[in-house]
Protein backbone atom coordinates (compact mmCIF):
# COMPACT_ATOMS: atom_id res chain seq x y z
CA MET A 1 -0.11 -0.05 -0.08
CA ALA A 2 3.19 2.49 1.00
CA LYS A 3 4.66 1.99 -2.03
CA ASN A 4 1.41 2.47 -4.21
CA MET A 5 1.02 5.37 -2.88
CA ARG A 6 4.16 6.71 -3.47
CA LYS A 7 3.52 6.33 -7.31
CA GLN A 8 0.74 7.76 -6.89
CA ARG A 9 2.54 10.57 -5.04
CA VAL A 10 5.19 10.59 -8.46
CA LEU A 11 2.54 10.48 -10.82
CA ALA A 12 0.93 13.54 -9.30
CA VAL A 13 4.25 15.76 -9.49
CA ILE A 14 4.77 14.68 -13.02
CA SER A 15 1.51 15.66 -14.09
CA GLN A 16 2.42 19.43 -12.95
CA TRP A 17 5.65 19.50 -14.46
CA ASN A 18 5.99 21.85 -17.35
CA GLY A 19 7.86 20.53 -20.06
CA HIS A 20 10.64 17.73 -20.01
CA PHE A 21 12.52 16.26 -17.12
CA THR A 22 14.96 13.75 -15.71
CA LEU A 23 14.68 10.96 -13.29
CA SER A 24 17.36 12.61 -11.37
CA GLU A 25 14.96 15.60 -11.24
CA ILE A 26 12.31 13.64 -10.33
CA ALA A 27 14.12 11.63 -7.52
CA GLU A 28 15.15 15.39 -6.06
CA ARG A 29 12.02 16.14 -5.97
CA VAL A 30 10.04 13.06 -3.93
CA GLY A 31 12.81 12.72 -1.95
CA ASP A 32 12.58 9.24 -0.85
CA VAL A 33 12.13 7.00 -3.77
CA PRO A 34 15.53 5.90 -5.43
CA GLU A 35 16.65 6.47 -8.72
CA ARG A 36 16.55 2.61 -9.80
CA THR A 37 12.84 2.25 -8.89
CA LEU A 38 12.17 5.77 -10.79
CA ARG A 39 13.70 4.06 -13.46
CA ARG A 40 11.66 0.79 -13.09
CA TRP A 41 8.47 2.52 -12.93
CA PHE A 42 9.11 5.04 -15.78
CA THR A 43 9.74 2.07 -18.23
CA VAL A 44 6.29 0.66 -17.48
CA TRP A 45 4.87 4.02 -17.45
CA SER A 46 6.21 4.81 -20.79
CA GLU A 47 4.88 1.24 -22.53
CA GLU A 48 1.70 2.76 -21.05
CA GLY A 49 1.45 5.63 -22.74
CA VAL A 50 1.18 7.53 -19.43
CA VAL A 51 4.93 9.46 -20.51
CA THR A 52 6.79 10.14 -23.57
CA LYS A 53 10.00 9.32 -23.27
CA SER A 54 13.37 10.91 -25.69
CA GLY A 55 16.91 10.27 -25.69
CA THR A 56 18.95 7.65 -24.47
CA GLY A 57 21.39 7.09 -21.28
CA LYS A 58 21.90 9.95 -19.32
CA SER A 59 20.06 12.40 -21.41
CA THR A 60 16.99 10.41 -21.14
CA ALA A 61 14.24 12.95 -20.51
CA TYR A 62 10.56 11.99 -19.90
CA CYS A 63 7.42 14.09 -20.19
CA TYR A 64 4.07 13.66 -19.06
CA ARG A 65 1.28 12.93 -21.23
CA GLN A 66 -1.48 15.51 -20.01
CA PHE A 67 -1.84 17.60 -23.57
CA ASP A 68 -0.25 14.86 -25.55
CA SER A 69 -3.49 14.57 -27.72
CA PHE A 70 -5.56 17.50 -26.27
CA SER A 71 -4.62 21.09 -27.47
CA THR A 72 -6.60 23.45 -24.76
CA THR A 73 -7.37 26.08 -28.16
CA GLU A 74 -9.62 23.02 -28.71
CA LEU A 75 -11.76 24.26 -25.55
CA ARG A 76 -13.58 27.88 -26.82
CA PHE A 77 -14.16 28.90 -22.93
CA LEU A 78 -10.64 29.25 -23.02
CA GLN A 79 -9.54 30.99 -26.19
CA PRO A 80 -9.94 34.22 -24.83
CA LEU A 81 -7.48 34.06 -22.13
CA ASP A 82 -3.69 34.43 -21.97
CA GLN A 83 -1.76 30.99 -21.01
CA ASP A 84 -1.21 31.53 -17.39
CA ILE A 85 -4.95 32.62 -17.12
CA ARG A 86 -5.97 29.60 -18.73
CA GLN A 87 -4.11 27.08 -17.18
CA SER A 88 -5.45 28.26 -13.75
CA LEU A 89 -8.98 28.02 -14.92
CA LEU A 90 -7.91 24.59 -16.04
CA ASP A 91 -6.33 23.82 -12.33
CA GLN A 92 -9.66 25.42 -10.88
CA ILE A 93 -11.85 22.85 -12.56
CA ARG A 94 -10.26 20.20 -12.08
CA ASP A 95 -9.73 20.90 -8.56
CA LEU A 96 -13.16 21.20 -7.79
CA TRP A 97 -14.40 18.79 -10.04
CA THR A 98 -12.09 15.93 -8.39
CA HIS A 99 -13.33 17.11 -4.95
CA SER A 100 -16.91 17.72 -5.42
CA SER A 101 -17.15 14.20 -7.47
CA THR A 102 -15.19 12.34 -4.73
CA ALA A 103 -16.98 14.33 -1.91
CA LEU A 104 -20.23 13.02 -3.33
CA GLU A 105 -19.18 9.31 -2.91
CA GLY A 106 -18.21 10.04 0.72
CA ASN A 107 -14.13 10.92 0.54
CA THR A 108 -13.23 13.11 3.13
CA LEU A 109 -10.18 15.45 1.29
CA SER A 110 -11.55 18.70 1.49
CA LEU A 111 -11.38 21.06 -1.88
CA GLY A 112 -8.10 22.79 0.03
CA ASP A 113 -6.81 19.04 0.41
CA THR A 114 -7.37 18.24 -3.40
CA HIS A 115 -5.58 21.07 -4.43
CA PHE A 116 -3.01 20.59 -1.83
CA ILE A 117 -2.33 17.32 -2.68
CA LEU A 118 -2.61 17.39 -7.04
CA ASN A 119 -0.39 20.85 -6.54
CA GLU A 120 2.46 19.66 -4.28
CA GLY A 121 2.20 15.59 -4.42
CA LEU A 122 2.11 15.42 -0.79
CA THR A 123 -0.68 13.82 1.69
CA ILE A 124 -2.46 15.02 3.76
CA SER A 125 -1.51 13.64 7.66
CA GLY A 126 -4.47 11.76 9.08
CA LYS A 127 -6.52 11.29 6.19
CA PRO A 128 -7.04 8.15 4.71
CA ILE A 129 -4.64 6.55 1.61
CA GLN A 130 -7.61 5.13 0.14
CA ASP A 131 -8.92 9.30 -0.23
CA HIS A 132 -5.89 10.39 -1.98
CA GLN A 133 -5.81 7.78 -4.33
CA GLU A 134 -9.57 8.57 -5.48
CA VAL A 135 -8.11 12.55 -5.85
CA LEU A 136 -5.21 11.47 -7.98
CA GLY A 137 -7.59 8.75 -9.81
CA HIS A 138 -9.74 11.29 -10.66
CA ALA A 139 -7.62 14.20 -11.88
CA LYS A 140 -5.77 11.26 -14.03
CA ALA A 141 -9.33 10.49 -15.39
CA ILE A 142 -10.14 14.31 -16.21
CA ASP A 143 -6.35 14.42 -17.88
CA ILE A 144 -7.85 10.85 -20.16
CA ILE A 145 -10.92 12.82 -20.84
CA TYR A 146 -9.62 15.72 -22.33
CA GLY A 147 -7.42 13.48 -24.78
CA MET A 148 -10.08 11.68 -25.60
CA LEU A 149 -12.28 15.02 -27.00
CA SER A 150 -11.11 14.54 -30.69
CA GLU A 151 -12.17 10.56 -31.14
CA PRO A 152 -15.30 9.35 -31.06
CA LEU A 153 -15.98 7.84 -27.29
CA THR A 154 -15.82 3.72 -27.47
CA GLN A 155 -16.11 0.97 -25.01
CA GLU A 156 -12.25 0.52 -24.56
CA SER A 157 -11.95 4.26 -23.65
CA LEU A 158 -14.81 4.20 -20.97
CA PHE A 159 -12.54 0.96 -19.49
CA GLU A 160 -9.48 3.21 -19.52
CA LEU A 161 -11.71 5.80 -17.99
CA HIS A 162 -12.89 3.03 -15.16
CA ARG A 163 -9.23 1.54 -14.73
CA ALA A 164 -8.16 5.10 -13.57
CA VAL A 165 -11.14 6.40 -11.80
CA GLN A 166 -11.47 2.76 -9.84
CA THR A 167 -8.28 3.16 -7.58
CA GLU A 168 -8.96 0.55 -4.77
CA VAL A 169 -7.37 -2.83 -5.48
CA VAL A 170 -9.85 -5.66 -5.47
CA ASN A 171 -8.97 -9.03 -5.92
CA ASP A 172 -12.22 -10.37 -6.89
CA ILE A 173 -13.23 -12.19 -10.19
CA TYR A 174 -16.77 -10.86 -9.90
CA LYS A 175 -15.53 -6.89 -9.40
CA PRO A 176 -13.58 -6.49 -12.56
CA LEU A 177 -11.51 -3.14 -13.29
CA GLY A 178 -12.12 -1.39 -16.37
CA ASP A 179 -14.77 -4.06 -17.50
CA TRP A 180 -18.40 -4.47 -17.63
CA LYS A 181 -20.07 -5.48 -14.33
CA LEU A 182 -20.47 -9.31 -13.85
CA GLU A 183 -23.41 -9.35 -10.86
CA PRO A 184 -26.68 -7.63 -10.50
CA ASN A 185 -26.73 -4.64 -8.53
CA GLY A 186 -29.34 -1.82 -7.27
CA THR A 187 -29.58 0.48 -4.34
CA TYR A 188 -32.42 1.38 -1.58
CA ALA A 189 -34.39 4.62 -1.81
CA VAL A 190 -37.89 6.39 -0.40
CA ASN A 191 -39.50 8.18 -2.94
CA ALA A 192 -41.39 11.63 -2.32
CA GLN A 193 -44.45 9.65 -1.07
CA GLY A 194 -42.36 8.22 1.65
CA GLU A 195 -42.54 4.70 0.43
CA GLN A 196 -39.31 2.81 0.22
CA HIS A 197 -38.37 0.71 -3.05
CA PHE A 198 -35.44 -1.15 -4.22
CA ILE A 199 -34.06 0.62 -7.34
CA GLU A 200 -32.32 -2.42 -9.71
CA TYR A 201 -30.08 -1.49 -12.35
CA ALA A 202 -29.73 -3.25 -15.62
CA LEU A 203 -29.34 -6.93 -15.59
CA PRO A 204 -25.39 -7.72 -16.67
CA ALA A 205 -26.54 -9.60 -19.43
CA TYR A 206 -28.11 -6.45 -20.71
CA VAL A 207 -25.21 -3.77 -20.12
CA PRO A 208 -23.26 -4.31 -23.45
CA VAL A 209 -26.55 -3.86 -25.68
CA LEU A 210 -27.54 -0.47 -22.99
CA MET A 211 -24.09 0.82 -23.21
CA ASP A 212 -23.38 0.60 -26.93
CA GLU A 213 -26.74 2.77 -27.37
CA LEU A 214 -25.56 5.33 -25.15
CA ILE A 215 -21.94 5.36 -26.66
CA SER A 216 -23.79 5.61 -30.50
CA ALA A 217 -25.88 8.11 -28.84
CA MET A 218 -23.15 10.15 -27.39
CA ASN A 219 -20.83 9.85 -30.88
CA ALA A 220 -23.96 11.12 -32.88
CA ILE A 221 -24.29 14.67 -31.19
CA SER A 222 -22.42 17.25 -32.94
CA ARG A 223 -20.40 19.82 -31.74
CA GLU A 224 -22.76 22.44 -32.97
CA GLY A 225 -25.61 21.06 -31.47
CA VAL A 226 -24.28 21.92 -27.38
CA ASN A 227 -24.92 25.51 -26.17
CA PHE A 228 -24.91 27.28 -23.21
CA ASP A 229 -28.47 26.95 -23.17
CA ASN A 230 -29.21 23.37 -23.93
CA ALA A 231 -25.86 21.89 -22.29
CA HIS A 232 -27.62 21.05 -19.13
CA SER A 233 -29.80 19.09 -20.76
CA VAL A 234 -27.56 16.94 -22.63
CA TYR A 235 -25.59 16.61 -19.54
CA ALA A 236 -28.51 15.38 -17.57
CA LYS A 237 -29.49 12.87 -20.15
CA PHE A 238 -26.08 10.90 -20.44
CA HIS A 239 -25.63 11.45 -16.63
CA MET A 240 -29.01 9.31 -15.94
CA GLY A 241 -28.65 7.29 -18.60
CA PHE A 242 -25.27 5.97 -17.34
CA VAL A 243 -26.60 5.73 -13.43
CA HIS A 244 -29.43 3.70 -14.52
CA ILE A 245 -27.19 1.27 -16.47
CA HIS A 246 -24.78 1.16 -13.73
CA PRO A 247 -22.25 -0.96 -15.59
CA PHE A 248 -19.68 -1.27 -13.27
CA TRP A 249 -19.13 -3.01 -10.05
CA ASP A 250 -18.53 -0.05 -8.49
CA GLY A 251 -17.09 3.68 -9.97
CA ASN A 252 -20.55 4.50 -11.49
CA GLY A 253 -21.01 8.09 -10.29
CA ARG A 254 -17.66 9.61 -10.91
CA MET A 255 -17.60 7.77 -14.30
CA ALA A 256 -21.08 9.13 -15.19
CA ARG A 257 -20.17 12.82 -14.14
CA LEU A 258 -16.80 12.33 -16.04
CA VAL A 259 -18.56 10.81 -19.21
CA ALA A 260 -21.24 13.37 -19.11
CA ASN A 261 -19.15 15.77 -19.98
CA ILE A 262 -17.88 14.91 -22.79
CA PRO A 263 -20.37 16.65 -25.12
CA LEU A 264 -19.58 19.55 -23.28
CA LEU A 265 -15.95 19.98 -23.77
CA LYS A 266 -15.81 18.75 -27.47
CA ALA A 267 -18.44 21.58 -27.90
CA GLY A 268 -15.83 24.18 -26.38
CA LEU A 269 -18.13 24.50 -23.17
CA PRO A 270 -16.43 24.06 -19.40
CA PRO A 271 -18.08 21.15 -17.61
CA LEU A 272 -21.07 21.25 -15.21
CA LEU A 273 -20.22 19.95 -12.30
CA ILE A 274 -22.47 18.73 -9.02
CA ALA A 275 -21.80 20.96 -5.76
CA THR A 276 -21.34 18.00 -2.85
CA ASP A 277 -23.86 20.57 -0.61
CA SER A 278 -26.54 19.55 -3.12
CA ARG A 279 -25.94 15.59 -3.03
CA ARG A 280 -29.27 15.33 -1.08
CA GLN A 281 -31.33 16.88 -3.64
CA TYR A 282 -28.96 15.00 -6.58
CA ILE A 283 -29.88 11.77 -5.07
CA GLU A 284 -33.39 12.09 -4.70
CA CYS A 285 -33.45 13.32 -8.55
CA LEU A 286 -31.66 10.18 -9.60
CA SER A 287 -33.49 7.90 -7.36
CA GLN A 288 -37.08 9.51 -8.08
CA TYR A 289 -36.25 8.98 -12.24
CA GLN A 290 -35.30 5.64 -11.53
CA ILE A 291 -38.27 4.94 -9.40
CA ALA A 292 -40.49 5.90 -12.11
CA ILE A 293 -39.00 4.61 -15.09
CA GLY A 294 -38.10 0.73 -13.67
CA GLN A 295 -34.95 -1.42 -14.93
CA LEU A 296 -33.76 -0.94 -17.65
CA ASN A 297 -33.37 -3.85 -20.60
CA HIS A 298 -32.82 -4.59 -24.05
CA GLN A 299 -37.18 -3.84 -25.17
CA THR A 300 -36.40 -0.39 -22.87
CA GLY A 301 -33.82 1.13 -24.21
CA VAL A 302 -31.44 3.97 -22.09
CA TRP A 303 -33.95 6.66 -21.88
CA PRO A 304 -37.80 5.16 -22.10
CA SER A 305 -39.10 8.70 -21.16
CA LEU A 306 -37.24 11.82 -21.68
CA LYS A 307 -39.81 13.93 -20.49
CA LYS A 308 -39.22 12.89 -16.70
CA LEU A 309 -35.93 14.37 -16.95
CA GLU A 310 -37.23 17.06 -16.38
CA ASP A 311 -36.86 17.83 -12.44
CA PHE A 312 -33.08 16.43 -13.64
CA ASN A 313 -32.59 18.78 -15.92
CA SER A 314 -33.49 21.65 -13.63
CA PHE A 315 -31.20 20.67 -11.16
CA CYS A 316 -28.34 20.24 -13.36
CA GLN A 317 -29.03 23.73 -14.93
CA SER A 318 -28.53 25.60 -11.67
CA SER A 319 -25.85 23.32 -10.82
CA TYR A 320 -23.75 24.40 -13.69
CA GLN A 321 -23.57 28.12 -11.79
CA SER A 322 -20.27 26.78 -10.53
CA THR A 323 -18.29 26.50 -13.59
CA LYS A 324 -19.67 29.36 -15.10
CA GLN A 325 -18.61 31.62 -12.54
CA LEU A 326 -14.96 30.39 -12.81
CA LEU A 327 -14.79 30.80 -16.39
CA GLU A 328 -16.78 34.41 -15.52
CA ASN A 329 -13.93 35.30 -12.98
CA ALA A 330 -11.05 34.28 -15.06
CA LEU A 331 -12.53 36.47 -18.40
CA GLU A 332 -13.16 39.93 -15.27
CA GLN A 333 -9.25 38.74 -14.85
CA GLN A 334 -8.31 38.83 -18.50
CA ARG A 335 -10.19 42.11 -19.06
CA LYS A 336 -8.49 43.73 -16.32
CA ARG A 337 -4.90 42.81 -17.67
CA SER A 338 -6.48 43.93 -21.14
CA ILE A 339 -6.82 47.64 -20.05
CA GLN A 340 -3.61 48.07 -18.29
CA PRO A 341 -1.18 50.42 -19.73
CA SER A 342 1.60 48.95 -21.81
């Protein structure tokens, strides 16, 4: 466990490194990891595509993959901003997205803790290792999302996201990492009338066909078809579809909050984030819809009734204000800079 934590810390450090770096530079920064151990890890990460490698021998240098396949100019909301303001906004979105999504699932790290871990690569005393790993895994998943924007969504790209998000090590063949669930799953909820219900998600046998429908629907959306006026409803549709299928044995909430933002990001818009203080309303919106619709299968399809999504649409519309405000703050900073005398 301690070894895995050190690896995650090294990943956090290199993800914040500007440009290329050598093993000796990383060894000096992290302190407690021998260079020969780093060499072994970086050999694997290079093969997996986490880092790129150049040079040989003592001239060997590495670069984190974060923006290898993604140019920030693809995101229209960043284009009016200078590079430093742009990067600051991306970091703020990453920190808030990671904190809110993991905290909704019970992670105890604060937004300040999350910022410190992702920027300094250090741990928070007294906090669970698993909480640190969830934060690092989610931040890595955001990088993966950015790298996916120029390509259609695929089953394999979802599996890659799941491997990043699901950081808990579980040696159980019925709890696969980066693959669809093998056992039925469900949850208990109470409806608006105070009646108790068991929500049963799609059975494993129906997951492939339902996820194919969801993936095809997402890939069919044009970049021009999503704008600030309808982004919340696009997000709501794919978020609800994903969690109603519940295709993985765990990590479905974090996955849904990542995947549902892909159409928004492809359209050049900032992501929509669910605030932690809206957790109860969020859960109620999800459960009321799922109770009303019932269990999904190959005949119902992913969205039997889009009309019943109205409450969740409204919730998502109000939730979009947090990142809109971050964007407005960045644009205001840019405006102030633009009127400064040269």
